[in-house]
Amino acid sequence: MGIDKESEIEANLQVGPTTLGMVRIFVEGDGLEIPMDFDPDEADEIADEIKAAAGRARATAMKRS
């Protein structure tokens, strides 16, 4: 499955700090748990990438309407 493919998979996403000073992204769904820990600088980079993708998605949606 690629990033631009639709999916029927449902999952829960949680994001928060750990007691060790890391940022955890926790994905849970259909018997699967994926904890991913990042140092704060990496988490900032991920947040920037998500914001940039959101901006591109908005631009694409505006073009289609």
Protein backbone atom coordinates (compact mmCIF):
# COMPACT_ATOMS: atom_id res chain seq x y z
CA MET A 1 0.00 0.00 0.00
CA GLY A 2 1.37 3.40 -0.92
CA ILE A 3 0.86 6.74 0.75
CA ASP A 4 -1.68 7.82 -1.86
CA LYS A 5 -3.87 4.70 -1.73
CA GLU A 6 -7.22 4.58 0.05
CA SER A 7 -7.61 2.10 2.87
CA GLU A 8 -10.36 0.64 5.03
CA ILE A 9 -7.96 0.11 7.94
CA GLU A 10 -8.92 1.90 11.14
CA ALA A 11 -6.42 2.82 13.84
CA ASN A 12 -6.07 5.07 16.85
CA LEU A 13 -3.20 7.52 17.07
CA GLN A 14 -1.84 8.99 20.29
CA VAL A 15 1.03 11.43 20.65
CA GLY A 16 2.65 12.47 23.91
CA PRO A 17 5.82 12.79 25.96
CA THR A 18 7.44 9.85 27.70
CA THR A 19 9.01 9.84 31.17
CA LEU A 20 12.41 9.59 29.46
CA GLY A 21 12.04 12.91 27.60
CA MET A 22 11.10 11.40 24.26
CA VAL A 23 8.01 12.01 22.14
CA ARG A 24 5.99 8.87 21.50
CA ILE A 25 3.69 8.32 18.55
CA PHE A 26 1.55 5.31 19.40
CA VAL A 27 -0.56 3.61 16.72
CA GLU A 28 -3.07 0.96 17.74
CA GLY A 29 -5.49 -0.98 15.58
CA ASP A 30 -6.83 -4.45 14.88
CA GLY A 31 -4.60 -6.23 17.40
CA LEU A 32 -1.52 -4.22 16.47
CA GLU A 33 0.36 -1.76 18.69
CA ILE A 34 3.21 0.34 17.31
CA PRO A 35 5.07 2.61 19.74
CA MET A 36 7.54 4.95 18.03
CA ASP A 37 9.81 7.15 20.16
CA PHE A 38 11.58 10.25 18.83
CA ASP A 39 13.83 12.79 20.44
CA PRO A 40 12.25 16.27 20.60
CA ASP A 41 14.20 17.57 17.58
CA GLU A 42 13.05 14.64 15.45
CA ALA A 43 9.49 15.20 16.65
CA ASP A 44 9.71 18.86 15.57
CA GLU A 45 10.84 17.72 12.11
CA ILE A 46 7.92 15.28 11.88
CA ALA A 47 5.50 18.02 12.95
CA ASP A 48 6.91 20.32 10.23
CA GLU A 49 6.46 17.57 7.63
CA ILE A 50 2.85 17.01 8.73
CA LYS A 51 2.10 20.74 8.52
CA ALA A 52 3.68 20.97 5.06
CA ALA A 53 1.66 17.96 3.87
CA ALA A 54 -1.53 19.53 5.25
CA GLY A 55 -0.80 22.69 3.27
CA ARG A 56 -0.23 20.72 0.07
CA ALA A 57 -3.43 18.74 0.68
CA ARG A 58 -5.41 21.97 1.11
CA ALA A 59 -3.96 23.35 -2.12
CA THR A 60 -4.89 20.15 -3.96
CA ALA A 61 -8.44 20.27 -2.56
CA MET A 62 -8.81 23.92 -3.62
CA LYS A 63 -7.74 23.07 -7.16
CA ARG A 64 -10.35 20.28 -7.36
CA SER A 65 -13.25 22.49 -6.21
